[in-house]
């Protein structure tokens, strides 16, 4: 037993002696045990650094993906609902397209505007109304159509003015009346004559040249905005 203790003591002294007097500038000349210990410490340091530098970033990325899971599930449910109702959605799409086509047919082209203005004038004359003002305004170009305001002032009997408004609503083309103001003209008190001031708005679809010009203007505006940034 004493001999075993002596051997262990000698071994411990031998190991300790290898770690004494090490030159940090010459690690290649160290004894084998210090070199092994240094390699083990370096490996541990690399593992710890990898954990904090690589695995931590991966953990953050994993958490970010997990946070996206509820939104992706909701998107999936929405897509699934659309797939289940695909036939019904296609029917609705066809109905909307038919409705849009009907509305487009009610919009005159640029060449048909003169005929439409004549129809509005004839609607008033057909009700025995007197036009005191019929003045088309400046065309306002929108995204998909153009709007033409017409300032009108007519005089006539109450029922005739009402029938004229109904005739305007029943025209084959879309015409709307805005800012209606009915009053008694000066000098006609007691005669049963009324005057109506209004703005009639009619609409037409844009021809191809107008669409091209609008697209060109939008592209130039976007280009200028991008250049300013």
C-alpha atoms as a PDB file:
ATOM      1  CA  UNK A   1       0.000   0.000   0.000  1.00  0.00           C
ATOM      2  CA  UNK A   2       2.846   2.303   0.822  1.00  0.00           C
ATOM      3  CA  UNK A   3       4.446   1.472  -2.493  1.00  0.00           C
ATOM      4  CA  UNK A   4       1.213   2.403  -4.374  1.00  0.00           C
ATOM      5  CA  UNK A   5       1.020   5.698  -2.555  1.00  0.00           C
ATOM      6  CA  UNK A   6       4.641   6.333  -3.419  1.00  0.00           C
ATOM      7  CA  UNK A   7       3.995   5.608  -7.100  1.00  0.00           C
ATOM      8  CA  UNK A   8       0.989   7.922  -7.168  1.00  0.00           C
ATOM      9  CA  UNK A   9       3.009  10.618  -5.464  1.00  0.00           C
ATOM     10  CA  UNK A  10       5.804  10.236  -7.978  1.00  0.00           C
ATOM     11  CA  UNK A  11       3.305  10.280 -10.856  1.00  0.00           C
ATOM     12  CA  UNK A  12       1.687  13.412  -9.495  1.00  0.00           C
ATOM     13  CA  UNK A  13       5.064  15.044  -9.113  1.00  0.00           C
ATOM     14  CA  UNK A  14       5.962  14.029 -12.650  1.00  0.00           C
ATOM     15  CA  UNK A  15       2.738  15.517 -14.054  1.00  0.00           C
ATOM     16  CA  UNK A  16       3.193  18.691 -12.056  1.00  0.00           C
ATOM     17  CA  UNK A  17       6.779  18.999 -13.178  1.00  0.00           C
ATOM     18  CA  UNK A  18       5.635  19.052 -16.822  1.00  0.00           C
ATOM     19  CA  UNK A  19       3.531  22.161 -16.126  1.00  0.00           C
ATOM     20  CA  UNK A  20       6.346  24.042 -14.382  1.00  0.00           C
ATOM     21  CA  UNK A  21       8.394  26.607 -16.160  1.00  0.00           C
ATOM     22  CA  UNK A  22       6.409  26.547 -19.406  1.00  0.00           C
ATOM     23  CA  UNK A  23       7.443  29.181 -21.929  1.00  0.00           C
ATOM     24  CA  UNK A  24       4.216  30.722 -23.374  1.00  0.00           C
ATOM     25  CA  UNK A  25       6.155  31.859 -26.446  1.00  0.00           C
ATOM     26  CA  UNK A  26       7.262  28.307 -27.296  1.00  0.00           C
ATOM     27  CA  UNK A  27       4.218  26.035 -26.890  1.00  0.00           C
ATOM     28  CA  UNK A  28       5.664  23.605 -29.407  1.00  0.00           C
ATOM     29  CA  UNK A  29       8.452  22.707 -26.959  1.00  0.00           C
ATOM     30  CA  UNK A  30       6.115  21.968 -24.072  1.00  0.00           C
ATOM     31  CA  UNK A  31       5.865  18.420 -22.719  1.00  0.00           C
ATOM     32  CA  UNK A  32       3.082  16.220 -24.040  1.00  0.00           C
ATOM     33  CA  UNK A  33       0.644  16.704 -21.145  1.00  0.00           C
ATOM     34  CA  UNK A  34       0.561  20.520 -21.306  1.00  0.00           C
ATOM     35  CA  UNK A  35       0.128  20.303 -25.066  1.00  0.00           C
ATOM     36  CA  UNK A  36      -2.814  17.909 -24.673  1.00  0.00           C
ATOM     37  CA  UNK A  37      -4.344  20.155 -22.025  1.00  0.00           C
ATOM     38  CA  UNK A  38      -3.956  23.175 -24.312  1.00  0.00           C
ATOM     39  CA  UNK A  39      -5.617  21.339 -27.195  1.00  0.00           C
ATOM     40  CA  UNK A  40      -8.521  20.341 -24.944  1.00  0.00           C
ATOM     41  CA  UNK A  41      -8.964  23.927 -23.730  1.00  0.00           C
ATOM     42  CA  UNK A  42      -8.846  25.216 -27.314  1.00  0.00           C
ATOM     43  CA  UNK A  43     -11.474  22.677 -28.404  1.00  0.00           C
ATOM     44  CA  UNK A  44     -13.741  23.670 -25.516  1.00  0.00           C
ATOM     45  CA  UNK A  45     -13.291  27.354 -26.375  1.00  0.00           C
ATOM     46  CA  UNK A  46     -14.173  26.673 -30.013  1.00  0.00           C
ATOM     47  CA  UNK A  47     -17.306  24.755 -29.026  1.00  0.00           C
ATOM     48  CA  UNK A  48     -18.428  27.508 -26.649  1.00  0.00           C
ATOM     49  CA  UNK A  49     -17.756  30.207 -29.238  1.00  0.00           C
ATOM     50  CA  UNK A  50     -19.614  28.216 -31.880  1.00  0.00           C
ATOM     51  CA  UNK A  51     -22.566  27.856 -29.539  1.00  0.00           C
ATOM     52  CA  UNK A  52     -22.855  31.581 -28.934  1.00  0.00           C
ATOM     53  CA  UNK A  53     -21.951  32.779 -32.427  1.00  0.00           C
ATOM     54  CA  UNK A  54     -23.659  30.182 -34.637  1.00  0.00           C
ATOM     55  CA  UNK A  55     -26.239  28.263 -32.686  1.00  0.00           C
ATOM     56  CA  UNK A  56     -27.610  31.381 -31.006  1.00  0.00           C
ATOM     57  CA  UNK A  57     -28.251  33.000 -34.409  1.00  0.00           C
ATOM     58  CA  UNK A  58     -29.850  29.794 -35.637  1.00  0.00           C
ATOM     59  CA  UNK A  59     -32.038  29.735 -32.542  1.00  0.00           C
ATOM     60  CA  UNK A  60     -33.194  33.303 -33.280  1.00  0.00           C
ATOM     61  CA  UNK A  61     -33.951  32.341 -36.883  1.00  0.00           C
ATOM     62  CA  UNK A  62     -35.878  29.288 -35.673  1.00  0.00           C
ATOM     63  CA  UNK A  63     -37.901  31.434 -33.282  1.00  0.00           C
ATOM     64  CA  UNK A  64     -38.688  33.887 -36.087  1.00  0.00           C
ATOM     65  CA  UNK A  65     -39.939  31.048 -38.268  1.00  0.00           C
ATOM     66  CA  UNK A  66     -42.055  29.743 -35.411  1.00  0.00           C
ATOM     67  CA  UNK A  67     -43.626  33.174 -35.039  1.00  0.00           C
ATOM     68  CA  UNK A  68     -44.628  33.017 -38.717  1.00  0.00           C
ATOM     69  CA  UNK A  69     -46.467  29.758 -38.180  1.00  0.00           C
ATOM     70  CA  UNK A  70     -49.865  31.264 -37.105  1.00  0.00           C
ATOM     71  CA  UNK A  71     -49.913  33.586 -40.129  1.00  0.00           C
ATOM     72  CA  UNK A  72     -48.999  30.751 -42.488  1.00  0.00           C
ATOM     73  CA  UNK A  73     -51.732  28.584 -40.999  1.00  0.00           C
ATOM     74  CA  UNK A  74     -54.285  31.358 -41.525  1.00  0.00           C
ATOM     75  CA  UNK A  75     -53.099  31.834 -45.112  1.00  0.00           C
ATOM     76  CA  UNK A  76     -53.436  28.105 -45.647  1.00  0.00           C
ATOM     77  CA  UNK A  77     -56.988  28.140 -44.290  1.00  0.00           C
ATOM     78  CA  UNK A  78     -57.878  31.033 -46.590  1.00  0.00           C
ATOM     79  CA  UNK A  79     -56.396  29.290 -49.623  1.00  0.00           C
ATOM     80  CA  UNK A  80     -58.148  26.077 -48.660  1.00  0.00           C
ATOM     81  CA  UNK A  81     -61.463  27.925 -48.395  1.00  0.00           C
ATOM     82  CA  UNK A  82     -60.915  29.444 -51.819  1.00  0.00           C
ATOM     83  CA  UNK A  83     -60.046  26.051 -53.282  1.00  0.00           C
ATOM     84  CA  UNK A  84     -63.180  24.494 -51.803  1.00  0.00           C
ATOM     85  CA  UNK A  85     -65.320  27.346 -53.187  1.00  0.00           C
ATOM     86  CA  UNK A  86     -63.416  27.640 -56.469  1.00  0.00           C
ATOM     87  CA  UNK A  87     -66.442  26.803 -58.609  1.00  0.00           C
ATOM     88  CA  UNK A  88     -68.605  29.404 -56.876  1.00  0.00           C
ATOM     89  CA  UNK A  89     -65.835  32.007 -57.099  1.00  0.00           C
ATOM     90  CA  UNK A  90     -65.535  31.412 -60.838  1.00  0.00           C
ATOM     91  CA  UNK A  91     -69.271  31.944 -61.235  1.00  0.00           C
ATOM     92  CA  UNK A  92     -69.029  35.199 -59.295  1.00  0.00           C
ATOM     93  CA  UNK A  93     -66.096  36.285 -61.454  1.00  0.00           C
ATOM     94  CA  UNK A  94     -68.124  35.679 -64.607  1.00  0.00           C
ATOM     95  CA  UNK A  95     -71.045  37.632 -63.129  1.00  0.00           C
ATOM     96  CA  UNK A  96     -68.758  40.562 -62.296  1.00  0.00           C
ATOM     97  CA  UNK A  97     -67.268  40.492 -65.794  1.00  0.00           C
ATOM     98  CA  UNK A  98     -70.751  40.516 -67.330  1.00  0.00           C
ATOM     99  CA  UNK A  99     -71.749  43.418 -65.083  1.00  0.00           C
ATOM    100  CA  UNK A 100     -68.624  45.380 -66.051  1.00  0.00           C
ATOM    101  CA  UNK A 101     -69.334  44.679 -69.725  1.00  0.00           C
ATOM    102  CA  UNK A 102     -72.867  46.015 -69.325  1.00  0.00           C
ATOM    103  CA  UNK A 103     -71.557  49.165 -67.667  1.00  0.00           C
ATOM    104  CA  UNK A 104     -68.980  49.657 -70.416  1.00  0.00           C
ATOM    105  CA  UNK A 105     -71.750  49.455 -72.990  1.00  0.00           C
ATOM    106  CA  UNK A 106     -73.459  52.340 -71.198  1.00  0.00           C
ATOM    107  CA  UNK A 107     -70.362  54.492 -71.580  1.00  0.00           C
ATOM    108  CA  UNK A 108     -70.201  56.244 -74.939  1.00  0.00           C
ATOM    109  CA  UNK A 109     -67.013  56.584 -76.890  1.00  0.00           C
ATOM    110  CA  UNK A 110     -65.398  59.886 -77.741  1.00  0.00           C
ATOM    111  CA  UNK A 111     -67.147  59.975 -81.120  1.00  0.00           C
ATOM    112  CA  UNK A 112     -70.561  59.385 -79.531  1.00  0.00           C
ATOM    113  CA  UNK A 113     -70.465  62.314 -77.118  1.00  0.00           C
ATOM    114  CA  UNK A 114     -72.067  64.773 -79.512  1.00  0.00           C
ATOM    115  CA  UNK A 115     -75.019  62.419 -80.012  1.00  0.00           C
ATOM    116  CA  UNK A 116     -75.385  62.020 -76.244  1.00  0.00           C
ATOM    117  CA  UNK A 117     -75.417  65.779 -75.709  1.00  0.00           C
ATOM    118  CA  UNK A 118     -78.111  66.013 -78.364  1.00  0.00           C
ATOM    119  CA  UNK A 119     -80.135  63.328 -76.530  1.00  0.00           C
ATOM    120  CA  UNK A 120     -80.001  65.360 -73.310  1.00  0.00           C
ATOM    121  CA  UNK A 121     -81.138  68.474 -75.161  1.00  0.00           C
ATOM    122  CA  UNK A 122     -83.958  66.605 -76.889  1.00  0.00           C
ATOM    123  CA  UNK A 123     -85.104  65.159 -73.563  1.00  0.00           C
ATOM    124  CA  UNK A 124     -85.652  68.686 -72.299  1.00  0.00           C
ATOM    125  CA  UNK A 125     -87.318  69.949 -75.447  1.00  0.00           C
ATOM    126  CA  UNK A 126     -89.584  66.902 -75.489  1.00  0.00           C
ATOM    127  CA  UNK A 127     -90.945  67.978 -72.100  1.00  0.00           C
ATOM    128  CA  UNK A 128     -91.556  71.515 -73.336  1.00  0.00           C
ATOM    129  CA  UNK A 129     -88.767  72.938 -71.220  1.00  0.00           C
ATOM    130  CA  UNK A 130     -86.810  76.023 -72.152  1.00  0.00           C
ATOM    131  CA  UNK A 131     -83.029  75.773 -71.968  1.00  0.00           C
ATOM    132  CA  UNK A 132     -81.550  78.979 -70.631  1.00  0.00           C
ATOM    133  CA  UNK A 133     -78.138  77.394 -70.162  1.00  0.00           C
ATOM    134  CA  UNK A 134     -76.497  74.320 -71.671  1.00  0.00           C
ATOM    135  CA  UNK A 135     -72.727  74.597 -71.283  1.00  0.00           C
ATOM    136  CA  UNK A 136     -70.404  71.566 -71.395  1.00  0.00           C
ATOM    137  CA  UNK A 137     -67.407  71.984 -69.101  1.00  0.00           C
ATOM    138  CA  UNK A 138     -63.857  70.715 -69.120  1.00  0.00           C
ATOM    139  CA  UNK A 139     -63.387  66.975 -69.545  1.00  0.00           C
ATOM    140  CA  UNK A 140     -61.930  65.356 -66.405  1.00  0.00           C
ATOM    141  CA  UNK A 141     -59.874  62.239 -67.155  1.00  0.00           C
ATOM    142  CA  UNK A 142     -59.990  59.539 -64.472  1.00  0.00           C
ATOM    143  CA  UNK A 143     -58.159  56.224 -64.277  1.00  0.00           C
ATOM    144  CA  UNK A 144     -60.442  54.282 -66.596  1.00  0.00           C
ATOM    145  CA  UNK A 145     -62.935  56.819 -67.913  1.00  0.00           C
ATOM    146  CA  UNK A 146     -63.490  60.489 -68.681  1.00  0.00           C
ATOM    147  CA  UNK A 147     -66.135  62.666 -67.066  1.00  0.00           C
ATOM    148  CA  UNK A 148     -67.869  65.581 -68.786  1.00  0.00           C
ATOM    149  CA  UNK A 149     -69.816  68.046 -66.605  1.00  0.00           C
ATOM    150  CA  UNK A 150     -72.603  70.051 -68.258  1.00  0.00           C
ATOM    151  CA  UNK A 151     -74.097  73.102 -66.568  1.00  0.00           C
ATOM    152  CA  UNK A 152     -77.809  73.354 -67.389  1.00  0.00           C
ATOM    153  CA  UNK A 153     -80.640  75.683 -66.480  1.00  0.00           C
ATOM    154  CA  UNK A 154     -84.155  74.903 -67.657  1.00  0.00           C
ATOM    155  CA  UNK A 155     -87.539  76.481 -66.984  1.00  0.00           C
ATOM    156  CA  UNK A 156     -90.935  74.852 -67.177  1.00  0.00           C
ATOM    157  CA  UNK A 157     -93.735  73.384 -65.123  1.00  0.00           C
ATOM    158  CA  UNK A 158     -92.984  71.283 -62.049  1.00  0.00           C
ATOM    159  CA  UNK A 159     -94.174  67.965 -63.473  1.00  0.00           C
ATOM    160  CA  UNK A 160     -92.323  68.554 -66.730  1.00  0.00           C
ATOM    161  CA  UNK A 161     -89.080  69.188 -64.861  1.00  0.00           C
ATOM    162  CA  UNK A 162     -89.602  65.990 -62.864  1.00  0.00           C
ATOM    163  CA  UNK A 163     -90.316  64.033 -66.054  1.00  0.00           C
ATOM    164  CA  UNK A 164     -87.169  65.489 -67.625  1.00  0.00           C
ATOM    165  CA  UNK A 165     -85.090  64.221 -64.678  1.00  0.00           C
ATOM    166  CA  UNK A 166     -86.685  60.779 -65.158  1.00  0.00           C
ATOM    167  CA  UNK A 167     -85.906  60.835 -68.886  1.00  0.00           C
ATOM    168  CA  UNK A 168     -82.271  61.627 -68.115  1.00  0.00           C
ATOM    169  CA  UNK A 169     -82.093  58.627 -65.764  1.00  0.00           C
ATOM    170  CA  UNK A 170     -83.573  56.368 -68.454  1.00  0.00           C
ATOM    171  CA  UNK A 171     -81.160  57.296 -71.214  1.00  0.00           C
ATOM    172  CA  UNK A 172     -79.249  54.362 -72.676  1.00  0.00           C
ATOM    173  CA  UNK A 173     -76.016  56.056 -71.602  1.00  0.00           C
ATOM    174  CA  UNK A 174     -75.065  56.950 -68.041  1.00  0.00           C
ATOM    175  CA  UNK A 175     -75.993  60.536 -67.161  1.00  0.00           C
ATOM    176  CA  UNK A 176     -76.337  61.776 -63.576  1.00  0.00           C
ATOM    177  CA  UNK A 177     -77.712  65.042 -62.221  1.00  0.00           C
ATOM    178  CA  UNK A 178     -75.926  66.845 -59.388  1.00  0.00           C
ATOM    179  CA  UNK A 179     -76.535  69.992 -57.370  1.00  0.00           C
ATOM    180  CA  UNK A 180     -80.196  70.345 -58.311  1.00  0.00           C
ATOM    181  CA  UNK A 181     -81.670  73.689 -57.321  1.00  0.00           C
ATOM    182  CA  UNK A 182     -85.321  74.460 -58.106  1.00  0.00           C
ATOM    183  CA  UNK A 183     -86.541  78.012 -57.748  1.00  0.00           C
ATOM    184  CA  UNK A 184     -89.145  80.401 -59.065  1.00  0.00           C
ATOM    185  CA  UNK A 185     -87.706  82.585 -61.835  1.00  0.00           C
ATOM    186  CA  UNK A 186     -88.082  86.329 -61.366  1.00  0.00           C
ATOM    187  CA  UNK A 187     -91.135  87.758 -63.065  1.00  0.00           C
ATOM    188  CA  UNK A 188     -92.930  84.386 -63.263  1.00  0.00           C
ATOM    189  CA  UNK A 189     -94.508  84.342 -59.801  1.00  0.00           C
ATOM    190  CA  UNK A 190     -97.986  82.825 -59.953  1.00  0.00           C
ATOM    191  CA  UNK A 191     -97.478  81.492 -63.476  1.00  0.00           C
ATOM    192  CA  UNK A 192     -96.617  77.994 -62.310  1.00  0.00           C
ATOM    193  CA  UNK A 193     -93.210  78.135 -63.953  1.00  0.00           C
ATOM    194  CA  UNK A 194     -90.144  76.876 -62.145  1.00  0.00           C
ATOM    195  CA  UNK A 195     -86.454  76.960 -62.928  1.00  0.00           C
ATOM    196  CA  UNK A 196     -83.963  74.186 -62.312  1.00  0.00           C
ATOM    197  CA  UNK A 197     -80.211  74.625 -62.138  1.00  0.00           C
ATOM    198  CA  UNK A 198     -78.119  71.460 -62.146  1.00  0.00           C
ATOM    199  CA  UNK A 199     -74.929  69.882 -63.334  1.00  0.00           C
ATOM    200  CA  UNK A 200     -75.390  66.879 -65.591  1.00  0.00           C
ATOM    201  CA  UNK A 201     -72.421  64.546 -65.604  1.00  0.00           C
ATOM    202  CA  UNK A 202     -71.910  62.059 -68.383  1.00  0.00           C
ATOM    203  CA  UNK A 203     -69.121  59.576 -68.722  1.00  0.00           C
ATOM    204  CA  UNK A 204     -67.239  57.925 -71.557  1.00  0.00           C
ATOM    205  CA  UNK A 205     -64.536  55.332 -71.793  1.00  0.00           C
ATOM    206  CA  UNK A 206     -61.030  56.364 -72.785  1.00  0.00           C
ATOM    207  CA  UNK A 207     -59.803  55.601 -76.270  1.00  0.00           C
ATOM    208  CA  UNK A 208     -56.462  53.873 -76.777  1.00  0.00           C
ATOM    209  CA  UNK A 209     -54.521  57.080 -77.420  1.00  0.00           C
ATOM    210  CA  UNK A 210     -55.758  58.552 -74.132  1.00  0.00           C
ATOM    211  CA  UNK A 211     -54.864  55.354 -72.259  1.00  0.00           C
ATOM    212  CA  UNK A 212     -51.360  55.391 -73.787  1.00  0.00           C
ATOM    213  CA  UNK A 213     -50.899  59.057 -72.875  1.00  0.00           C
ATOM    214  CA  UNK A 214     -52.055  58.392 -69.328  1.00  0.00           C
ATOM    215  CA  UNK A 215     -49.646  55.462 -68.926  1.00  0.00           C
ATOM    216  CA  UNK A 216     -46.794  57.545 -70.312  1.00  0.00           C
ATOM    217  CA  UNK A 217     -47.528  60.372 -67.883  1.00  0.00           C
ATOM    218  CA  UNK A 218     -47.685  57.928 -64.961  1.00  0.00           C
ATOM    219  CA  UNK A 219     -44.361  56.370 -65.975  1.00  0.00           C
ATOM    220  CA  UNK A 220     -42.689  59.783 -66.257  1.00  0.00           C
ATOM    221  CA  UNK A 221     -44.067  60.809 -62.855  1.00  0.00           C
ATOM    222  CA  UNK A 222     -42.767  57.605 -61.285  1.00  0.00           C
ATOM    223  CA  UNK A 223     -39.384  58.146 -62.928  1.00  0.00           C
ATOM    224  CA  UNK A 224     -39.144  61.699 -61.559  1.00  0.00           C
ATOM    225  CA  UNK A 225     -40.142  60.497 -58.086  1.00  0.00           C
ATOM    226  CA  UNK A 226     -37.454  57.797 -58.217  1.00  0.00           C
ATOM    227  CA  UNK A 227     -34.848  60.335 -59.350  1.00  0.00           C
ATOM    228  CA  UNK A 228     -35.654  62.656 -56.427  1.00  0.00           C
ATOM    229  CA  UNK A 229     -35.144  59.834 -53.966  1.00  0.00           C
END
